[in-house]
Amino acid sequence: EMKTVVSELDGSDSLGLPFKVVAGGARRQDSVFNGLSVLSAR
């Protein structure tokens, strides 16, 4: 659902940046690690 929401928000008020949407985990630190796992190789 949020992939669609973020795309719509970006369409009306563009970030001008690449973005990714991922699922969180059971704990805050799990959610952070999930976010780190999809970062750009650069």
ModelCIF file with pLDDT and N, C-alpha, C, O atoms, coordinates in Angstrom:
data_MODEL
#
_entry.id   MODEL 
#
_entity.id                         1 
_entity.type                       polymer 
_entity.pdbx_number_of_molecules   1 
#
_entity_poly.entity_id                      1 
_entity_poly.type                           'polypeptide(L)' 
_entity_poly.nstd_linkage                   no 
_entity_poly.nstd_monomer                   no 
_entity_poly.pdbx_seq_one_letter_code       EMKTVVSELDGSDSLGLPFKVVAGGARRQDSVFNGLSVLSAR 
_entity_poly.pdbx_seq_one_letter_code_can   EMKTVVSELDGSDSLGLPFKVVAGGARRQDSVFNGLSVLSAR 
_entity_poly.pdbx_strand_id                 A 
#
loop_
_entity_poly_seq.entity_id 
_entity_poly_seq.num 
_entity_poly_seq.mon_id 
_entity_poly_seq.hetero 
1 1  GLU n 
1 2  MET n 
1 3  LYS n 
1 4  THR n 
1 5  VAL n 
1 6  VAL n 
1 7  SER n 
1 8  GLU n 
1 9  LEU n 
1 10 ASP n 
1 11 GLY n 
1 12 SER n 
1 13 ASP n 
1 14 SER n 
1 15 LEU n 
1 16 GLY n 
1 17 LEU n 
1 18 PRO n 
1 19 PHE n 
1 20 LYS n 
1 21 VAL n 
1 22 VAL n 
1 23 ALA n 
1 24 GLY n 
1 25 GLY n 
1 26 ALA n 
1 27 ARG n 
1 28 ARG n 
1 29 GLN n 
1 30 ASP n 
1 31 SER n 
1 32 VAL n 
1 33 PHE n 
1 34 ASN n 
1 35 GLY n 
1 36 LEU n 
1 37 SER n 
1 38 VAL n 
1 39 LEU n 
1 40 SER n 
1 41 ALA n 
1 42 ARG n 
#
_struct_asym.id          A 
_struct_asym.entity_id   1 
#
loop_
_ma_qa_metric.id 
_ma_qa_metric.mode 
_ma_qa_metric.name 
_ma_qa_metric.software_group_id 
_ma_qa_metric.type 
1 global pLDDT . pLDDT 
2 local  pLDDT . pLDDT 
#
_ma_qa_metric_global.metric_id      1 
_ma_qa_metric_global.metric_value   92.88 
_ma_qa_metric_global.model_id       1 
_ma_qa_metric_global.ordinal_id     1 
#
loop_
_ma_qa_metric_local.label_asym_id 
_ma_qa_metric_local.label_comp_id 
_ma_qa_metric_local.label_seq_id 
_ma_qa_metric_local.metric_id 
_ma_qa_metric_local.metric_value 
_ma_qa_metric_local.model_id 
_ma_qa_metric_local.ordinal_id 
A GLU 1  2 93.00 1 1  
A MET 2  2 93.00 1 2  
A LYS 3  2 94.00 1 3  
A THR 4  2 94.00 1 4  
A VAL 5  2 94.00 1 5  
A VAL 6  2 94.00 1 6  
A SER 7  2 94.00 1 7  
A GLU 8  2 92.00 1 8  
A LEU 9  2 92.00 1 9  
A ASP 10 2 91.00 1 10 
A GLY 11 2 87.00 1 11 
A SER 12 2 80.00 1 12 
A ASP 13 2 77.00 1 13 
A SER 14 2 85.00 1 14 
A LEU 15 2 92.00 1 15 
A GLY 16 2 92.00 1 16 
A LEU 17 2 94.00 1 17 
A PRO 18 2 95.00 1 18 
A PHE 19 2 96.00 1 19 
A LYS 20 2 96.00 1 20 
A VAL 21 2 96.00 1 21 
A VAL 22 2 96.00 1 22 
A ALA 23 2 95.00 1 23 
A GLY 24 2 93.00 1 24 
A GLY 25 2 93.00 1 25 
A ALA 26 2 91.00 1 26 
A ARG 27 2 93.00 1 27 
A ARG 28 2 92.00 1 28 
A GLN 29 2 94.00 1 29 
A ASP 30 2 94.00 1 30 
A SER 31 2 95.00 1 31 
A VAL 32 2 96.00 1 32 
A PHE 33 2 96.00 1 33 
A ASN 34 2 96.00 1 34 
A GLY 35 2 96.00 1 35 
A LEU 36 2 96.00 1 36 
A SER 37 2 95.00 1 37 
A VAL 38 2 96.00 1 38 
A LEU 39 2 95.00 1 39 
A SER 40 2 92.00 1 40 
A ALA 41 2 92.00 1 41 
A ARG 42 2 94.00 1 42 
#
loop_
_atom_site.group_PDB 
_atom_site.id 
_atom_site.type_symbol 
_atom_site.label_atom_id 
_atom_site.label_alt_id 
_atom_site.label_comp_id 
_atom_site.label_asym_id 
_atom_site.label_entity_id 
_atom_site.label_seq_id 
_atom_site.pdbx_PDB_ins_code 
_atom_site.Cartn_x 
_atom_site.Cartn_y 
_atom_site.Cartn_z 
_atom_site.occupancy 
_atom_site.B_iso_or_equiv 
_atom_site.pdbx_formal_charge 
_atom_site.auth_seq_id 
_atom_site.auth_comp_id 
_atom_site.auth_asym_id 
_atom_site.auth_atom_id 
_atom_site.pdbx_PDB_model_num 
ATOM 1   N N  . GLU A 1 1  ? 0.833  -1.213 0.000  1.00 93.00 ? 1  GLU A N  1 
ATOM 2   C CA . GLU A 1 1  ? 0.000  0.000  0.000  1.00 93.00 ? 1  GLU A CA 1 
ATOM 3   C C  . GLU A 1 1  ? 0.862  1.256  0.000  1.00 93.00 ? 1  GLU A C  1 
ATOM 4   O O  . GLU A 1 1  ? 0.584  2.205  -0.733 1.00 93.00 ? 1  GLU A O  1 
ATOM 5   N N  . MET A 1 2  ? 1.910  1.260  0.824  1.00 93.00 ? 2  MET A N  1 
ATOM 6   C CA . MET A 1 2  ? 2.739  2.453  0.963  1.00 93.00 ? 2  MET A CA 1 
ATOM 7   C C  . MET A 1 2  ? 3.625  2.687  -0.255 1.00 93.00 ? 2  MET A C  1 
ATOM 8   O O  . MET A 1 2  ? 4.018  3.824  -0.511 1.00 93.00 ? 2  MET A O  1 
ATOM 9   N N  . LYS A 1 3  ? 3.943  1.659  -0.998 1.00 94.00 ? 3  LYS A N  1 
ATOM 10  C CA . LYS A 1 3  ? 4.667  1.867  -2.255 1.00 94.00 ? 3  LYS A CA 1 
ATOM 11  C C  . LYS A 1 3  ? 3.844  2.755  -3.178 1.00 94.00 ? 3  LYS A C  1 
ATOM 12  O O  . LYS A 1 3  ? 4.371  3.646  -3.843 1.00 94.00 ? 3  LYS A O  1 
ATOM 13  N N  . THR A 1 4  ? 2.544  2.493  -3.203 1.00 94.00 ? 4  THR A N  1 
ATOM 14  C CA . THR A 1 4  ? 1.649  3.311  -4.033 1.00 94.00 ? 4  THR A CA 1 
ATOM 15  C C  . THR A 1 4  ? 1.522  4.711  -3.473 1.00 94.00 ? 4  THR A C  1 
ATOM 16  O O  . THR A 1 4  ? 1.561  5.689  -4.219 1.00 94.00 ? 4  THR A O  1 
ATOM 17  N N  . VAL A 1 5  ? 1.369  4.812  -2.143 1.00 94.00 ? 5  VAL A N  1 
ATOM 18  C CA . VAL A 1 5  ? 1.220  6.126  -1.506 1.00 94.00 ? 5  VAL A CA 1 
ATOM 19  C C  . VAL A 1 5  ? 2.447  6.996  -1.750 1.00 94.00 ? 5  VAL A C  1 
ATOM 20  O O  . VAL A 1 5  ? 2.319  8.164  -2.118 1.00 94.00 ? 5  VAL A O  1 
ATOM 21  N N  . VAL A 1 6  ? 3.632  6.433  -1.547 1.00 94.00 ? 6  VAL A N  1 
ATOM 22  C CA . VAL A 1 6  ? 4.860  7.211  -1.723 1.00 94.00 ? 6  VAL A CA 1 
ATOM 23  C C  . VAL A 1 6  ? 5.005  7.653  -3.177 1.00 94.00 ? 6  VAL A C  1 
ATOM 24  O O  . VAL A 1 6  ? 5.415  8.783  -3.445 1.00 94.00 ? 6  VAL A O  1 
ATOM 25  N N  . SER A 1 7  ? 4.674  6.773  -4.108 1.00 94.00 ? 7  SER A N  1 
ATOM 26  C CA . SER A 1 7  ? 4.761  7.133  -5.533 1.00 94.00 ? 7  SER A CA 1 
ATOM 27  C C  . SER A 1 7  ? 3.802  8.269  -5.857 1.00 94.00 ? 7  SER A C  1 
ATOM 28  O O  . SER A 1 7  ? 4.140  9.170  -6.625 1.00 94.00 ? 7  SER A O  1 
ATOM 29  N N  . GLU A 1 8  ? 2.613  8.230  -5.277 1.00 92.00 ? 8  GLU A N  1 
ATOM 30  C CA . GLU A 1 8  ? 1.642  9.302  -5.520 1.00 92.00 ? 8  GLU A CA 1 
ATOM 31  C C  . GLU A 1 8  ? 2.107  10.615 -4.894 1.00 92.00 ? 8  GLU A C  1 
ATOM 32  O O  . GLU A 1 8  ? 1.965  11.680 -5.495 1.00 92.00 ? 8  GLU A O  1 
ATOM 33  N N  . LEU A 1 9  ? 2.660  10.536 -3.690 1.00 92.00 ? 9  LEU A N  1 
ATOM 34  C CA . LEU A 1 9  ? 3.187  11.741 -3.053 1.00 92.00 ? 9  LEU A CA 1 
ATOM 35  C C  . LEU A 1 9  ? 4.330  12.332 -3.868 1.00 92.00 ? 9  LEU A C  1 
ATOM 36  O O  . LEU A 1 9  ? 4.419  13.546 -4.047 1.00 92.00 ? 9  LEU A O  1 
ATOM 37  N N  . ASP A 1 10 ? 5.192  11.465 -4.353 1.00 91.00 ? 10 ASP A N  1 
ATOM 38  C CA . ASP A 1 10 ? 6.319  11.919 -5.165 1.00 91.00 ? 10 ASP A CA 1 
ATOM 39  C C  . ASP A 1 10 ? 5.833  12.534 -6.479 1.00 91.00 ? 10 ASP A C  1 
ATOM 40  O O  . ASP A 1 10 ? 6.465  13.442 -7.018 1.00 91.00 ? 10 ASP A O  1 
ATOM 41  N N  . GLY A 1 11 ? 4.716  12.037 -6.984 1.00 87.00 ? 11 GLY A N  1 
ATOM 42  C CA . GLY A 1 11 ? 4.167  12.581 -8.214 1.00 87.00 ? 11 GLY A CA 1 
ATOM 43  C C  . GLY A 1 11 ? 3.625  13.985 -8.052 1.00 87.00 ? 11 GLY A C  1 
ATOM 44  O O  . GLY A 1 11 ? 3.698  14.799 -8.973 1.00 87.00 ? 11 GLY A O  1 
ATOM 45  N N  . SER A 1 12 ? 3.064  14.275 -6.844 1.00 80.00 ? 12 SER A N  1 
ATOM 46  C CA . SER A 1 12 ? 2.484  15.605 -6.616 1.00 80.00 ? 12 SER A CA 1 
ATOM 47  C C  . SER A 1 12 ? 3.469  16.577 -5.989 1.00 80.00 ? 12 SER A C  1 
ATOM 48  O O  . SER A 1 12 ? 3.312  17.791 -6.121 1.00 80.00 ? 12 SER A O  1 
ATOM 49  N N  . ASP A 1 13 ? 4.482  16.056 -5.309 1.00 77.00 ? 13 ASP A N  1 
ATOM 50  C CA . ASP A 1 13 ? 5.471  16.915 -4.626 1.00 77.00 ? 13 ASP A CA 1 
ATOM 51  C C  . ASP A 1 13 ? 6.816  16.198 -4.709 1.00 77.00 ? 13 ASP A C  1 
ATOM 52  O O  . ASP A 1 13 ? 7.298  15.655 -3.715 1.00 77.00 ? 13 ASP A O  1 
ATOM 53  N N  . SER A 1 14 ? 7.414  16.198 -5.891 1.00 85.00 ? 14 SER A N  1 
ATOM 54  C CA . SER A 1 14 ? 8.549  15.321 -6.184 1.00 85.00 ? 14 SER A CA 1 
ATOM 55  C C  . SER A 1 14 ? 9.748  15.536 -5.275 1.00 85.00 ? 14 SER A C  1 
ATOM 56  O O  . SER A 1 14 ? 10.139 16.667 -4.988 1.00 85.00 ? 14 SER A O  1 
ATOM 57  N N  . LEU A 1 15 ? 10.325 14.424 -4.829 1.00 92.00 ? 15 LEU A N  1 
ATOM 58  C CA . LEU A 1 15 ? 11.544 14.473 -4.035 1.00 92.00 ? 15 LEU A CA 1 
ATOM 59  C C  . LEU A 1 15 ? 12.745 14.830 -4.900 1.00 92.00 ? 15 LEU A C  1 
ATOM 60  O O  . LEU A 1 15 ? 13.697 15.447 -4.422 1.00 92.00 ? 15 LEU A O  1 
ATOM 61  N N  . GLY A 1 16 ? 12.701 14.446 -6.162 1.00 92.00 ? 16 GLY A N  1 
ATOM 62  C CA . GLY A 1 16 ? 13.853 14.668 -7.032 1.00 92.00 ? 16 GLY A CA 1 
ATOM 63  C C  . GLY A 1 16 ? 15.011 13.748 -6.696 1.00 92.00 ? 16 GLY A C  1 
ATOM 64  O O  . GLY A 1 16 ? 16.154 14.022 -7.061 1.00 92.00 ? 16 GLY A O  1 
ATOM 65  N N  . LEU A 1 17 ? 14.717 12.652 -5.997 1.00 94.00 ? 17 LEU A N  1 
ATOM 66  C CA . LEU A 1 17 ? 15.740 11.693 -5.573 1.00 94.00 ? 17 LEU A CA 1 
ATOM 67  C C  . LEU A 1 17 ? 15.228 10.279 -5.801 1.00 94.00 ? 17 LEU A C  1 
ATOM 68  O O  . LEU A 1 17 ? 14.017 10.060 -5.804 1.00 94.00 ? 17 LEU A O  1 
ATOM 69  N N  . PRO A 1 18 ? 16.136 9.304  -5.993 1.00 95.00 ? 18 PRO A N  1 
ATOM 70  C CA . PRO A 1 18 ? 15.685 7.913  -5.985 1.00 95.00 ? 18 PRO A CA 1 
ATOM 71  C C  . PRO A 1 18 ? 15.221 7.526  -4.584 1.00 95.00 ? 18 PRO A C  1 
ATOM 72  O O  . PRO A 1 18 ? 15.753 8.013  -3.587 1.00 95.00 ? 18 PRO A O  1 
ATOM 73  N N  . PHE A 1 19 ? 14.238 6.658  -4.523 1.00 96.00 ? 19 PHE A N  1 
ATOM 74  C CA . PHE A 1 19 ? 13.771 6.191  -3.211 1.00 96.00 ? 19 PHE A CA 1 
ATOM 75  C C  . PHE A 1 19 ? 13.378 4.720  -3.303 1.00 96.00 ? 19 PHE A C  1 
ATOM 76  O O  . PHE A 1 19 ? 13.068 4.205  -4.377 1.00 96.00 ? 19 PHE A O  1 
ATOM 77  N N  . LYS A 1 20 ? 13.401 4.055  -2.136 1.00 96.00 ? 20 LYS A N  1 
ATOM 78  C CA . LYS A 1 20 ? 13.020 2.656  -2.048 1.00 96.00 ? 20 LYS A CA 1 
ATOM 79  C C  . LYS A 1 20 ? 12.094 2.480  -0.851 1.00 96.00 ? 20 LYS A C  1 
ATOM 80  O O  . LYS A 1 20 ? 12.167 3.232  0.121  1.00 96.00 ? 20 LYS A O  1 
ATOM 81  N N  . VAL A 1 21 ? 11.229 1.484  -0.935 1.00 96.00 ? 21 VAL A N  1 
ATOM 82  C CA . VAL A 1 21 ? 10.289 1.187  0.146  1.00 96.00 ? 21 VAL A CA 1 
ATOM 83  C C  . VAL A 1 21 ? 10.493 -0.263 0.573  1.00 96.00 ? 21 VAL A C  1 
ATOM 84  O O  . VAL A 1 21 ? 10.434 -1.174 -0.253 1.00 96.00 ? 21 VAL A O  1 
ATOM 85  N N  . VAL A 1 22 ? 10.736 -0.474 1.878  1.00 96.00 ? 22 VAL A N  1 
ATOM 86  C CA . VAL A 1 22 ? 10.957 -1.829 2.383  1.00 96.00 ? 22 VAL A CA 1 
ATOM 87  C C  . VAL A 1 22 ? 10.125 -2.064 3.636  1.00 96.00 ? 22 VAL A C  1 
ATOM 88  O O  . VAL A 1 22 ? 9.618  -1.126 4.251  1.00 96.00 ? 22 VAL A O  1 
ATOM 89  N N  . ALA A 1 23 ? 9.998  -3.327 3.998  1.00 95.00 ? 23 ALA A N  1 
ATOM 90  C CA . ALA A 1 23 ? 9.254  -3.719 5.197  1.00 95.00 ? 23 ALA A CA 1 
ATOM 91  C C  . ALA A 1 23 ? 10.141 -3.629 6.432  1.00 95.00 ? 23 ALA A C  1 
ATOM 92  O O  . ALA A 1 23 ? 11.333 -3.931 6.384  1.00 95.00 ? 23 ALA A O  1 
ATOM 93  N N  . GLY A 1 24 ? 9.541  -3.212 7.529  1.00 93.00 ? 24 GLY A N  1 
ATOM 94  C CA . GLY A 1 24 ? 10.243 -3.175 8.803  1.00 93.00 ? 24 GLY A CA 1 
ATOM 95  C C  . GLY A 1 24 ? 10.306 -4.544 9.444  1.00 93.00 ? 24 GLY A C  1 
ATOM 96  O O  . GLY A 1 24 ? 9.795  -5.523 8.901  1.00 93.00 ? 24 GLY A O  1 
ATOM 97  N N  . GLY A 1 25 ? 10.938 -4.603 10.604 1.00 93.00 ? 25 GLY A N  1 
ATOM 98  C CA . GLY A 1 25 ? 11.070 -5.862 11.333 1.00 93.00 ? 25 GLY A CA 1 
ATOM 99  C C  . GLY A 1 25 ? 10.378 -5.802 12.677 1.00 93.00 ? 25 GLY A C  1 
ATOM 100 O O  . GLY A 1 25 ? 9.634  -4.865 12.968 1.00 93.00 ? 25 GLY A O  1 
ATOM 101 N N  . ALA A 1 26 ? 10.630 -6.812 13.492 1.00 91.00 ? 26 ALA A N  1 
ATOM 102 C CA . ALA A 1 26 ? 9.970  -6.906 14.792 1.00 91.00 ? 26 ALA A CA 1 
ATOM 103 C C  . ALA A 1 26 ? 10.433 -5.804 15.736 1.00 91.00 ? 26 ALA A C  1 
ATOM 104 O O  . ALA A 1 26 ? 9.642  -5.291 16.527 1.00 91.00 ? 26 ALA A O  1 
ATOM 105 N N  . ARG A 1 27 ? 11.722 -5.433 15.656 1.00 93.00 ? 27 ARG A N  1 
ATOM 106 C CA . ARG A 1 27 ? 12.271 -4.387 16.526 1.00 93.00 ? 27 ARG A CA 1 
ATOM 107 C C  . ARG A 1 27 ? 12.768 -3.224 15.666 1.00 93.00 ? 27 ARG A C  1 
ATOM 108 O O  . ARG A 1 27 ? 12.924 -3.347 14.451 1.00 93.00 ? 27 ARG A O  1 
ATOM 109 N N  . ARG A 1 28 ? 13.009 -2.103 16.328 1.00 92.00 ? 28 ARG A N  1 
ATOM 110 C CA . ARG A 1 28 ? 13.516 -0.941 15.614 1.00 92.00 ? 28 ARG A CA 1 
ATOM 111 C C  . ARG A 1 28 ? 14.811 -1.290 14.879 1.00 92.00 ? 28 ARG A C  1 
ATOM 112 O O  . ARG A 1 28 ? 14.982 -0.936 13.713 1.00 92.00 ? 28 ARG A O  1 
ATOM 113 N N  . GLN A 1 29 ? 15.731 -1.994 15.572 1.00 94.00 ? 29 GLN A N  1 
ATOM 114 C CA . GLN A 1 29 ? 17.016 -2.302 14.955 1.00 94.00 ? 29 GLN A CA 1 
ATOM 115 C C  . GLN A 1 29 ? 16.856 -3.236 13.757 1.00 94.00 ? 29 GLN A C  1 
ATOM 116 O O  . GLN A 1 29 ? 17.659 -3.204 12.825 1.00 94.00 ? 29 GLN A O  1 
ATOM 117 N N  . ASP A 1 30 ? 15.817 -4.066 13.788 1.00 94.00 ? 30 ASP A N  1 
ATOM 118 C CA . ASP A 1 30 ? 15.547 -4.929 12.635 1.00 94.00 ? 30 ASP A CA 1 
ATOM 119 C C  . ASP A 1 30 ? 15.067 -4.094 11.448 1.00 94.00 ? 30 ASP A C  1 
ATOM 120 O O  . ASP A 1 30 ? 15.436 -4.355 10.302 1.00 94.00 ? 30 ASP A O  1 
ATOM 121 N N  . SER A 1 31 ? 14.248 -3.096 11.736 1.00 95.00 ? 31 SER A N  1 
ATOM 122 C CA . SER A 1 31 ? 13.761 -2.221 10.677 1.00 95.00 ? 31 SER A CA 1 
ATOM 123 C C  . SER A 1 31 ? 14.904 -1.435 10.046 1.00 95.00 ? 31 SER A C  1 
ATOM 124 O O  . SER A 1 31 ? 14.954 -1.254 8.830  1.00 95.00 ? 31 SER A O  1 
ATOM 125 N N  . VAL A 1 32 ? 15.826 -0.968 10.898 1.00 96.00 ? 32 VAL A N  1 
ATOM 126 C CA . VAL A 1 32 ? 16.985 -0.234 10.379 1.00 96.00 ? 32 VAL A CA 1 
ATOM 127 C C  . VAL A 1 32 ? 17.808 -1.137 9.471  1.00 96.00 ? 32 VAL A C  1 
ATOM 128 O O  . VAL A 1 32 ? 18.199 -0.729 8.377  1.00 96.00 ? 32 VAL A O  1 
ATOM 129 N N  . PHE A 1 33 ? 18.069 -2.347 9.913  1.00 96.00 ? 33 PHE A N  1 
ATOM 130 C CA . PHE A 1 33 ? 18.904 -3.253 9.116  1.00 96.00 ? 33 PHE A CA 1 
ATOM 131 C C  . PHE A 1 33 ? 18.248 -3.562 7.766  1.00 96.00 ? 33 PHE A C  1 
ATOM 132 O O  . PHE A 1 33 ? 18.928 -3.663 6.744  1.00 96.00 ? 33 PHE A O  1 
ATOM 133 N N  . ASN A 1 34 ? 16.930 -3.709 7.775  1.00 96.00 ? 34 ASN A N  1 
ATOM 134 C CA . ASN A 1 34 ? 16.226 -3.933 6.503  1.00 96.00 ? 34 ASN A CA 1 
ATOM 135 C C  . ASN A 1 34 ? 16.421 -2.743 5.561  1.00 96.00 ? 34 ASN A C  1 
ATOM 136 O O  . ASN A 1 34 ? 16.562 -2.911 4.350  1.00 96.00 ? 34 ASN A O  1 
ATOM 137 N N  . GLY A 1 35 ? 16.426 -1.537 6.139  1.00 96.00 ? 35 GLY A N  1 
ATOM 138 C CA . GLY A 1 35 ? 16.659 -0.346 5.328  1.00 96.00 ? 35 GLY A CA 1 
ATOM 139 C C  . GLY A 1 35 ? 18.075 -0.295 4.797  1.00 96.00 ? 35 GLY A C  1 
ATOM 140 O O  . GLY A 1 35 ? 18.301 0.080  3.646  1.00 96.00 ? 35 GLY A O  1 
ATOM 141 N N  . LEU A 1 36 ? 19.040 -0.675 5.644  1.00 96.00 ? 36 LEU A N  1 
ATOM 142 C CA . LEU A 1 36 ? 20.446 -0.674 5.216  1.00 96.00 ? 36 LEU A CA 1 
ATOM 143 C C  . LEU A 1 36 ? 20.695 -1.673 4.092  1.00 96.00 ? 36 LEU A C  1 
ATOM 144 O O  . LEU A 1 36 ? 21.560 -1.457 3.243  1.00 96.00 ? 36 LEU A O  1 
ATOM 145 N N  . SER A 1 37 ? 19.947 -2.749 4.089  1.00 95.00 ? 37 SER A N  1 
ATOM 146 C CA . SER A 1 37 ? 20.194 -3.832 3.130  1.00 95.00 ? 37 SER A CA 1 
ATOM 147 C C  . SER A 1 37 ? 19.862 -3.449 1.689  1.00 95.00 ? 37 SER A C  1 
ATOM 148 O O  . SER A 1 37 ? 20.266 -4.152 0.763  1.00 95.00 ? 37 SER A O  1 
ATOM 149 N N  . VAL A 1 38 ? 19.129 -2.343 1.481  1.00 96.00 ? 38 VAL A N  1 
ATOM 150 C CA . VAL A 1 38 ? 18.765 -1.969 0.107  1.00 96.00 ? 38 VAL A CA 1 
ATOM 151 C C  . VAL A 1 38 ? 19.442 -0.674 -0.336 1.00 96.00 ? 38 VAL A C  1 
ATOM 152 O O  . VAL A 1 38 ? 19.086 -0.112 -1.372 1.00 96.00 ? 38 VAL A O  1 
ATOM 153 N N  . LEU A 1 39 ? 20.404 -0.202 0.432  1.00 95.00 ? 39 LEU A N  1 
ATOM 154 C CA . LEU A 1 39 ? 21.087 1.034  0.063  1.00 95.00 ? 39 LEU A CA 1 
ATOM 155 C C  . LEU A 1 39 ? 21.916 0.858  -1.205 1.00 95.00 ? 39 LEU A C  1 
ATOM 156 O O  . LEU A 1 39 ? 22.328 -0.248 -1.555 1.00 95.00 ? 39 LEU A O  1 
ATOM 157 N N  . SER A 1 40 ? 22.145 1.965  -1.870 1.00 92.00 ? 40 SER A N  1 
ATOM 158 C CA . SER A 1 40 ? 22.954 1.959  -3.084 1.00 92.00 ? 40 SER A CA 1 
ATOM 159 C C  . SER A 1 40 ? 24.357 1.420  -2.792 1.00 92.00 ? 40 SER A C  1 
ATOM 160 O O  . SER A 1 40 ? 24.894 1.624  -1.703 1.00 92.00 ? 40 SER A O  1 
ATOM 161 N N  . ALA A 1 41 ? 24.940 0.735  -3.768 1.00 92.00 ? 41 ALA A N  1 
ATOM 162 C CA . ALA A 1 41 ? 26.305 0.222  -3.619 1.00 92.00 ? 41 ALA A CA 1 
ATOM 163 C C  . ALA A 1 41 ? 27.310 1.350  -3.479 1.00 92.00 ? 41 ALA A C  1 
ATOM 164 O O  . ALA A 1 41 ? 28.425 1.129  -3.005 1.00 92.00 ? 41 ALA A O  1 
ATOM 165 N N  . ARG A 1 42 ? 26.931 2.564  -3.888 1.00 94.00 ? 42 ARG A N  1 
ATOM 166 C CA . ARG A 1 42 ? 27.835 3.728  -3.791 1.00 94.00 ? 42 ARG A CA 1 
ATOM 167 C C  . ARG A 1 42 ? 27.666 4.481  -2.470 1.00 94.00 ? 42 ARG A C  1 
ATOM 168 O O  . ARG A 1 42 ? 28.350 5.477  -2.235 1.00 94.00 ? 42 ARG A O  1 
#
